[in-house]
Amino acid sequence: MKISFDLDDTIISNNRFPLEKETFWAKITGCERIRSGTVALFKALRNRKHTIYIYTTSYRSTLKIKLMFLSYSIPVDFIINQQLHDRKVKKKGKNISKFPPEFGIDIHIDDSAGVEMEGKKFGFKTIIISPDERDWSNIILKKIDEFGMRYE
Protein backbone atom coordinates (compact mmCIF):
# COMPACT_ATOMS: atom_id res chain seq x y z
CA MET A 1 0.00 0.00 0.00
CA LYS A 2 1.00 3.60 -0.50
CA ILE A 3 0.95 5.35 2.86
CA SER A 4 1.42 9.08 3.29
CA PHE A 5 2.36 11.05 6.38
CA ASP A 6 1.72 14.66 7.27
CA LEU A 7 4.72 16.49 8.71
CA ASP A 8 3.74 19.23 11.15
CA ASP A 9 2.49 17.88 14.50
CA THR A 10 2.50 14.34 13.08
CA ILE A 11 6.22 13.74 12.39
CA ILE A 12 7.76 17.14 13.25
CA SER A 13 7.23 19.33 16.31
CA ASN A 14 9.59 21.09 18.64
CA ASN A 15 7.50 20.70 21.77
CA ARG A 16 4.49 18.41 21.25
CA PHE A 17 6.17 15.00 21.57
CA PRO A 18 9.53 13.30 22.22
CA LEU A 19 11.98 13.36 19.31
CA GLU A 20 14.41 10.86 17.81
CA LYS A 21 18.00 11.30 18.91
CA GLU A 22 19.61 13.77 16.53
CA THR A 23 21.94 11.98 14.14
CA PHE A 24 25.33 13.25 13.07
CA TRP A 25 23.96 13.97 9.57
CA ALA A 26 20.92 15.79 10.94
CA LYS A 27 23.26 18.03 12.95
CA ILE A 28 25.51 18.68 9.94
CA THR A 29 22.63 19.49 7.58
CA GLY A 30 20.57 21.39 10.16
CA CYS A 31 17.54 19.20 9.49
CA GLU A 32 14.49 19.27 11.72
CA ARG A 33 14.26 16.45 14.24
CA ILE A 34 11.54 13.86 13.87
CA ARG A 35 9.12 12.23 16.29
CA SER A 36 10.44 9.43 18.43
CA GLY A 37 9.42 6.12 16.89
CA THR A 38 9.46 7.38 13.29
CA VAL A 39 12.60 5.46 12.32
CA ALA A 40 11.27 2.15 13.67
CA LEU A 41 7.81 2.76 12.16
CA PHE A 42 9.14 3.56 8.68
CA LYS A 43 11.44 0.51 8.80
CA ALA A 44 8.51 -1.70 9.86
CA LEU A 45 6.42 -0.33 6.98
CA ARG A 46 9.28 -0.99 4.54
CA ASN A 47 9.61 -4.56 5.84
CA ARG A 48 5.90 -5.01 5.08
CA LYS A 49 6.54 -3.77 1.52
CA HIS A 50 4.61 -0.50 1.89
CA THR A 51 5.54 2.64 -0.03
CA ILE A 52 6.07 5.77 2.09
CA TYR A 53 5.02 9.24 0.94
CA ILE A 54 5.14 12.58 2.71
CA TYR A 55 2.11 14.81 2.10
CA THR A 56 2.43 18.22 3.71
CA THR A 57 0.76 21.59 3.29
CA SER A 58 4.05 23.29 4.09
CA TYR A 59 6.15 25.08 1.52
CA ARG A 60 9.34 23.24 2.53
CA SER A 61 11.29 22.16 -0.52
CA THR A 62 11.18 18.50 -1.51
CA LEU A 63 14.98 18.43 -1.25
CA LYS A 64 14.89 19.68 2.35
CA ILE A 65 12.28 17.06 3.28
CA LYS A 66 14.16 14.27 1.51
CA LEU A 67 17.41 15.22 3.28
CA MET A 68 15.68 15.30 6.65
CA PHE A 69 14.55 11.68 6.33
CA LEU A 70 17.81 10.52 4.72
CA SER A 71 19.70 12.01 7.68
CA TYR A 72 17.87 9.42 9.81
CA SER A 73 18.54 6.63 7.24
CA ILE A 74 14.87 6.36 6.31
CA PRO A 75 14.36 7.35 2.67
CA VAL A 76 10.86 8.25 1.53
CA ASP A 77 9.49 7.34 -1.89
CA PHE A 78 7.71 10.55 -2.84
CA ILE A 79 7.07 14.00 -1.41
CA ILE A 80 4.00 16.15 -1.95
CA ASN A 81 4.40 19.68 -0.65
CA GLN A 82 1.99 22.61 -0.97
CA GLN A 83 3.40 23.62 -4.36
CA LEU A 84 2.78 20.17 -5.90
CA HIS A 85 -0.63 19.91 -4.22
CA ASP A 86 -1.63 23.25 -5.74
CA ARG A 87 -0.43 22.20 -9.21
CA LYS A 88 -2.24 18.85 -9.17
CA VAL A 89 -5.30 19.33 -6.95
CA LYS A 90 -6.24 22.99 -6.94
CA LYS A 91 -5.66 23.15 -10.69
CA LYS A 92 -8.60 20.74 -11.02
CA GLY A 93 -10.82 23.07 -9.01
CA LYS A 94 -10.78 21.04 -5.79
CA ASN A 95 -10.74 23.22 -2.68
CA ILE A 96 -9.39 20.68 -0.22
CA SER A 97 -6.34 20.75 2.06
CA LYS A 98 -5.18 17.25 1.06
CA PHE A 99 -6.43 14.82 -1.57
CA PRO A 100 -4.41 11.57 -1.41
CA PRO A 101 -6.31 9.80 -4.25
CA GLU A 102 -4.80 12.28 -6.73
CA PHE A 103 -1.41 10.71 -5.97
CA GLY A 104 -2.54 7.07 -5.72
CA ILE A 105 -2.23 7.04 -1.92
CA ASP A 106 -4.19 4.34 -0.05
CA ILE A 107 -3.97 5.72 3.52
CA HIS A 108 -3.02 9.17 4.80
CA ILE A 109 -1.78 9.68 8.37
CA ASP A 110 -2.34 13.12 9.91
CA ASP A 111 -3.04 14.90 13.19
CA SER A 112 -5.90 17.03 11.83
CA ALA A 113 -9.56 16.24 12.47
CA GLY A 114 -10.26 18.49 9.47
CA VAL A 115 -8.35 16.11 7.20
CA GLU A 116 -10.35 13.23 8.69
CA MET A 117 -13.58 15.06 7.77
CA GLU A 118 -12.28 15.66 4.25
CA GLY A 119 -11.46 11.96 3.99
CA LYS A 120 -15.02 11.02 4.86
CA LYS A 121 -16.46 13.63 2.50
CA PHE A 122 -14.18 12.87 -0.47
CA GLY A 123 -13.75 9.12 0.08
CA PHE A 124 -10.16 8.59 1.19
CA LYS A 125 -8.84 6.64 4.17
CA THR A 126 -7.15 8.44 7.06
CA ILE A 127 -5.54 7.52 10.33
CA ILE A 128 -5.64 10.46 12.73
CA ILE A 129 -2.94 10.50 15.40
CA SER A 130 -2.84 13.08 18.16
CA PRO A 131 0.53 14.70 18.85
CA ASP A 132 -0.04 13.62 22.48
CA GLU A 133 -0.41 9.92 21.60
CA ARG A 134 2.60 8.07 23.04
CA ASP A 135 1.88 4.69 21.40
CA TRP A 136 1.30 6.32 18.02
CA SER A 137 3.45 4.01 15.89
CA ASN A 138 1.81 0.82 17.17
CA ILE A 139 -1.64 2.33 16.63
CA ILE A 140 -0.69 3.13 13.03
CA LEU A 141 0.66 -0.37 12.36
CA LYS A 142 -2.47 -1.96 13.83
CA LYS A 143 -4.81 0.24 11.78
CA ILE A 144 -2.83 -0.34 8.58
CA ASP A 145 -3.09 -4.09 9.19
CA GLU A 146 -6.86 -3.68 9.63
CA PHE A 147 -7.11 -1.71 6.37
CA GLY A 148 -4.94 -4.34 4.65
CA MET A 149 -7.34 -7.12 5.61
CA ARG A 150 -10.17 -5.20 3.96
CA TYR A 151 -8.14 -4.98 0.73
CA GLU A 152 -7.81 -8.76 0.43
C-alpha atoms as a PDB file:
ATOM      1  CA  MET A   1       0.000   0.000   0.000  1.00  0.00           C
ATOM      2  CA  LYS A   2       1.002   3.601  -0.503  1.00  0.00           C
ATOM      3  CA  ILE A   3       0.947   5.346   2.864  1.00  0.00           C
ATOM      4  CA  SER A   4       1.421   9.084   3.291  1.00  0.00           C
ATOM      5  CA  PHE A   5       2.355  11.054   6.383  1.00  0.00           C
ATOM      6  CA  ASP A   6       1.720  14.664   7.270  1.00  0.00           C
ATOM      7  CA  LEU A   7       4.722  16.489   8.705  1.00  0.00           C
ATOM      8  CA  ASP A   8       3.743  19.234  11.155  1.00  0.00           C
ATOM      9  CA  ASP A   9       2.491  17.875  14.500  1.00  0.00           C
ATOM     10  CA  THR A  10       2.503  14.335  13.078  1.00  0.00           C
ATOM     11  CA  ILE A  11       6.220  13.739  12.394  1.00  0.00           C
ATOM     12  CA  ILE A  12       7.763  17.136  13.255  1.00  0.00           C
ATOM     13  CA  SER A  13       7.226  19.328  16.313  1.00  0.00           C
ATOM     14  CA  ASN A  14       9.590  21.089  18.640  1.00  0.00           C
ATOM     15  CA  ASN A  15       7.504  20.701  21.772  1.00  0.00           C
ATOM     16  CA  ARG A  16       4.488  18.409  21.254  1.00  0.00           C
ATOM     17  CA  PHE A  17       6.168  15.000  21.567  1.00  0.00           C
ATOM     18  CA  PRO A  18       9.531  13.304  22.223  1.00  0.00           C
ATOM     19  CA  LEU A  19      11.982  13.357  19.309  1.00  0.00           C
ATOM     20  CA  GLU A  20      14.410  10.855  17.812  1.00  0.00           C
ATOM     21  CA  LYS A  21      18.003  11.301  18.910  1.00  0.00           C
ATOM     22  CA  GLU A  22      19.609  13.767  16.535  1.00  0.00           C
ATOM     23  CA  THR A  23      21.936  11.982  14.139  1.00  0.00           C
ATOM     24  CA  PHE A  24      25.327  13.246  13.069  1.00  0.00           C
ATOM     25  CA  TRP A  25      23.957  13.966   9.574  1.00  0.00           C
ATOM     26  CA  ALA A  26      20.924  15.790  10.942  1.00  0.00           C
ATOM     27  CA  LYS A  27      23.263  18.035  12.947  1.00  0.00           C
ATOM     28  CA  ILE A  28      25.512  18.678   9.943  1.00  0.00           C
ATOM     29  CA  THR A  29      22.625  19.491   7.582  1.00  0.00           C
ATOM     30  CA  GLY A  30      20.566  21.394  10.161  1.00  0.00           C
ATOM     31  CA  CYS A  31      17.536  19.202   9.493  1.00  0.00           C
ATOM     32  CA  GLU A  32      14.490  19.271  11.720  1.00  0.00           C
ATOM     33  CA  ARG A  33      14.256  16.454  14.244  1.00  0.00           C
ATOM     34  CA  ILE A  34      11.538  13.856  13.870  1.00  0.00           C
ATOM     35  CA  ARG A  35       9.120  12.232  16.286  1.00  0.00           C
ATOM     36  CA  SER A  36      10.443   9.432  18.435  1.00  0.00           C
ATOM     37  CA  GLY A  37       9.419   6.118  16.892  1.00  0.00           C
ATOM     38  CA  THR A  38       9.456   7.378  13.290  1.00  0.00           C
ATOM     39  CA  VAL A  39      12.599   5.457  12.324  1.00  0.00           C
ATOM     40  CA  ALA A  40      11.269   2.153  13.673  1.00  0.00           C
ATOM     41  CA  LEU A  41       7.813   2.764  12.163  1.00  0.00           C
ATOM     42  CA  PHE A  42       9.138   3.558   8.683  1.00  0.00           C
ATOM     43  CA  LYS A  43      11.441   0.509   8.797  1.00  0.00           C
ATOM     44  CA  ALA A  44       8.512  -1.704   9.855  1.00  0.00           C
ATOM     45  CA  LEU A  45       6.420  -0.328   6.984  1.00  0.00           C
ATOM     46  CA  ARG A  46       9.277  -0.992   4.540  1.00  0.00           C
ATOM     47  CA  ASN A  47       9.610  -4.558   5.838  1.00  0.00           C
ATOM     48  CA  ARG A  48       5.904  -5.011   5.081  1.00  0.00           C
ATOM     49  CA  LYS A  49       6.536  -3.769   1.523  1.00  0.00           C
ATOM     50  CA  HIS A  50       4.611  -0.498   1.889  1.00  0.00           C
ATOM     51  CA  THR A  51       5.539   2.645  -0.029  1.00  0.00           C
ATOM     52  CA  ILE A  52       6.071   5.774   2.092  1.00  0.00           C
ATOM     53  CA  TYR A  53       5.015   9.237   0.937  1.00  0.00           C
ATOM     54  CA  ILE A  54       5.136  12.579   2.715  1.00  0.00           C
ATOM     55  CA  TYR A  55       2.107  14.815   2.098  1.00  0.00           C
ATOM     56  CA  THR A  56       2.432  18.225   3.709  1.00  0.00           C
ATOM     57  CA  THR A  57       0.757  21.586   3.288  1.00  0.00           C
ATOM     58  CA  SER A  58       4.051  23.287   4.088  1.00  0.00           C
ATOM     59  CA  TYR A  59       6.151  25.084   1.520  1.00  0.00           C
ATOM     60  CA  ARG A  60       9.343  23.239   2.534  1.00  0.00           C
ATOM     61  CA  SER A  61      11.294  22.156  -0.522  1.00  0.00           C
ATOM     62  CA  THR A  62      11.179  18.505  -1.514  1.00  0.00           C
ATOM     63  CA  LEU A  63      14.978  18.425  -1.249  1.00  0.00           C
ATOM     64  CA  LYS A  64      14.891  19.684   2.351  1.00  0.00           C
ATOM     65  CA  ILE A  65      12.278  17.064   3.283  1.00  0.00           C
ATOM     66  CA  LYS A  66      14.160  14.272   1.505  1.00  0.00           C
ATOM     67  CA  LEU A  67      17.409  15.225   3.277  1.00  0.00           C
ATOM     68  CA  MET A  68      15.677  15.304   6.646  1.00  0.00           C
ATOM     69  CA  PHE A  69      14.553  11.684   6.329  1.00  0.00           C
ATOM     70  CA  LEU A  70      17.809  10.521   4.725  1.00  0.00           C
ATOM     71  CA  SER A  71      19.702  12.012   7.681  1.00  0.00           C
ATOM     72  CA  TYR A  72      17.866   9.417   9.813  1.00  0.00           C
ATOM     73  CA  SER A  73      18.537   6.631   7.242  1.00  0.00           C
ATOM     74  CA  ILE A  74      14.869   6.364   6.308  1.00  0.00           C
ATOM     75  CA  PRO A  75      14.363   7.348   2.672  1.00  0.00           C
ATOM     76  CA  VAL A  76      10.857   8.248   1.528  1.00  0.00           C
ATOM     77  CA  ASP A  77       9.489   7.338  -1.894  1.00  0.00           C
ATOM     78  CA  PHE A  78       7.709  10.545  -2.843  1.00  0.00           C
ATOM     79  CA  ILE A  79       7.066  14.003  -1.414  1.00  0.00           C
ATOM     80  CA  ILE A  80       3.997  16.152  -1.952  1.00  0.00           C
ATOM     81  CA  ASN A  81       4.400  19.684  -0.648  1.00  0.00           C
ATOM     82  CA  GLN A  82       1.993  22.610  -0.973  1.00  0.00           C
ATOM     83  CA  GLN A  83       3.396  23.616  -4.361  1.00  0.00           C
ATOM     84  CA  LEU A  84       2.780  20.169  -5.895  1.00  0.00           C
ATOM     85  CA  HIS A  85      -0.634  19.907  -4.217  1.00  0.00           C
ATOM     86  CA  ASP A  86      -1.635  23.247  -5.743  1.00  0.00           C
ATOM     87  CA  ARG A  87      -0.432  22.204  -9.213  1.00  0.00           C
ATOM     88  CA  LYS A  88      -2.235  18.855  -9.169  1.00  0.00           C
ATOM     89  CA  VAL A  89      -5.299  19.329  -6.953  1.00  0.00           C
ATOM     90  CA  LYS A  90      -6.241  22.995  -6.940  1.00  0.00           C
ATOM     91  CA  LYS A  91      -5.663  23.153 -10.693  1.00  0.00           C
ATOM     92  CA  LYS A  92      -8.597  20.736 -11.024  1.00  0.00           C
ATOM     93  CA  GLY A  93     -10.821  23.068  -9.007  1.00  0.00           C
ATOM     94  CA  LYS A  94     -10.781  21.038  -5.787  1.00  0.00           C
ATOM     95  CA  ASN A  95     -10.735  23.222  -2.682  1.00  0.00           C
ATOM     96  CA  ILE A  96      -9.393  20.677  -0.218  1.00  0.00           C
ATOM     97  CA  SER A  97      -6.344  20.752   2.062  1.00  0.00           C
ATOM     98  CA  LYS A  98      -5.182  17.252   1.055  1.00  0.00           C
ATOM     99  CA  PHE A  99      -6.428  14.819  -1.575  1.00  0.00           C
ATOM    100  CA  PRO A 100      -4.409  11.567  -1.409  1.00  0.00           C
ATOM    101  CA  PRO A 101      -6.310   9.800  -4.245  1.00  0.00           C
ATOM    102  CA  GLU A 102      -4.799  12.280  -6.726  1.00  0.00           C
ATOM    103  CA  PHE A 103      -1.412  10.707  -5.971  1.00  0.00           C
ATOM    104  CA  GLY A 104      -2.541   7.069  -5.716  1.00  0.00           C
ATOM    105  CA  ILE A 105      -2.233   7.039  -1.918  1.00  0.00           C
ATOM    106  CA  ASP A 106      -4.189   4.339  -0.051  1.00  0.00           C
ATOM    107  CA  ILE A 107      -3.974   5.719   3.516  1.00  0.00           C
ATOM    108  CA  HIS A 108      -3.023   9.172   4.800  1.00  0.00           C
ATOM    109  CA  ILE A 109      -1.779   9.680   8.374  1.00  0.00           C
ATOM    110  CA  ASP A 110      -2.337  13.121   9.911  1.00  0.00           C
ATOM    111  CA  ASP A 111      -3.044  14.895  13.191  1.00  0.00           C
ATOM    112  CA  SER A 112      -5.899  17.028  11.829  1.00  0.00           C
ATOM    113  CA  ALA A 113      -9.562  16.244  12.468  1.00  0.00           C
ATOM    114  CA  GLY A 114     -10.264  18.494   9.470  1.00  0.00           C
ATOM    115  CA  VAL A 115      -8.347  16.105   7.203  1.00  0.00           C
ATOM    116  CA  GLU A 116     -10.350  13.228   8.687  1.00  0.00           C
ATOM    117  CA  MET A 117     -13.583  15.061   7.765  1.00  0.00           C
ATOM    118  CA  GLU A 118     -12.275  15.663   4.247  1.00  0.00           C
ATOM    119  CA  GLY A 119     -11.459  11.963   3.990  1.00  0.00           C
ATOM    120  CA  LYS A 120     -15.024  11.021   4.860  1.00  0.00           C
ATOM    121  CA  LYS A 121     -16.461  13.634   2.500  1.00  0.00           C
ATOM    122  CA  PHE A 122     -14.182  12.873  -0.467  1.00  0.00           C
ATOM    123  CA  GLY A 123     -13.745   9.123   0.076  1.00  0.00           C
ATOM    124  CA  PHE A 124     -10.162   8.593   1.194  1.00  0.00           C
ATOM    125  CA  LYS A 125      -8.835   6.643   4.174  1.00  0.00           C
ATOM    126  CA  THR A 126      -7.154   8.438   7.055  1.00  0.00           C
ATOM    127  CA  ILE A 127      -5.542   7.524  10.330  1.00  0.00           C
ATOM    128  CA  ILE A 128      -5.645  10.455  12.734  1.00  0.00           C
ATOM    129  CA  ILE A 129      -2.941  10.499  15.399  1.00  0.00           C
ATOM    130  CA  SER A 130      -2.843  13.077  18.164  1.00  0.00           C
ATOM    131  CA  PRO A 131       0.529  14.699  18.850  1.00  0.00           C
ATOM    132  CA  ASP A 132      -0.038  13.619  22.480  1.00  0.00           C
ATOM    133  CA  GLU A 133      -0.410   9.919  21.602  1.00  0.00           C
ATOM    134  CA  ARG A 134       2.602   8.067  23.039  1.00  0.00           C
ATOM    135  CA  ASP A 135       1.878   4.687  21.400  1.00  0.00           C
ATOM    136  CA  TRP A 136       1.303   6.316  18.016  1.00  0.00           C
ATOM    137  CA  SER A 137       3.453   4.010  15.888  1.00  0.00           C
ATOM    138  CA  ASN A 138       1.812   0.815  17.175  1.00  0.00           C
ATOM    139  CA  ILE A 139      -1.635   2.327  16.627  1.00  0.00           C
ATOM    140  CA  ILE A 140      -0.690   3.130  13.028  1.00  0.00           C
ATOM    141  CA  LEU A 141       0.662  -0.374  12.360  1.00  0.00           C
ATOM    142  CA  LYS A 142      -2.466  -1.960  13.826  1.00  0.00           C
ATOM    143  CA  LYS A 143      -4.811   0.244  11.776  1.00  0.00           C
ATOM    144  CA  ILE A 144      -2.827  -0.343   8.580  1.00  0.00           C
ATOM    145  CA  ASP A 145      -3.086  -4.086   9.194  1.00  0.00           C
ATOM    146  CA  GLU A 146      -6.858  -3.679   9.634  1.00  0.00           C
ATOM    147  CA  PHE A 147      -7.111  -1.710   6.373  1.00  0.00           C
ATOM    148  CA  GLY A 148      -4.942  -4.337   4.650  1.00  0.00           C
ATOM    149  CA  MET A 149      -7.342  -7.117   5.612  1.00  0.00           C
ATOM    150  CA  ARG A 150     -10.172  -5.197   3.960  1.00  0.00           C
ATOM    151  CA  TYR A 151      -8.143  -4.982   0.728  1.00  0.00           C
ATOM    152  CA  GLU A 152      -7.810  -8.764   0.435  1.00  0.00           C
END
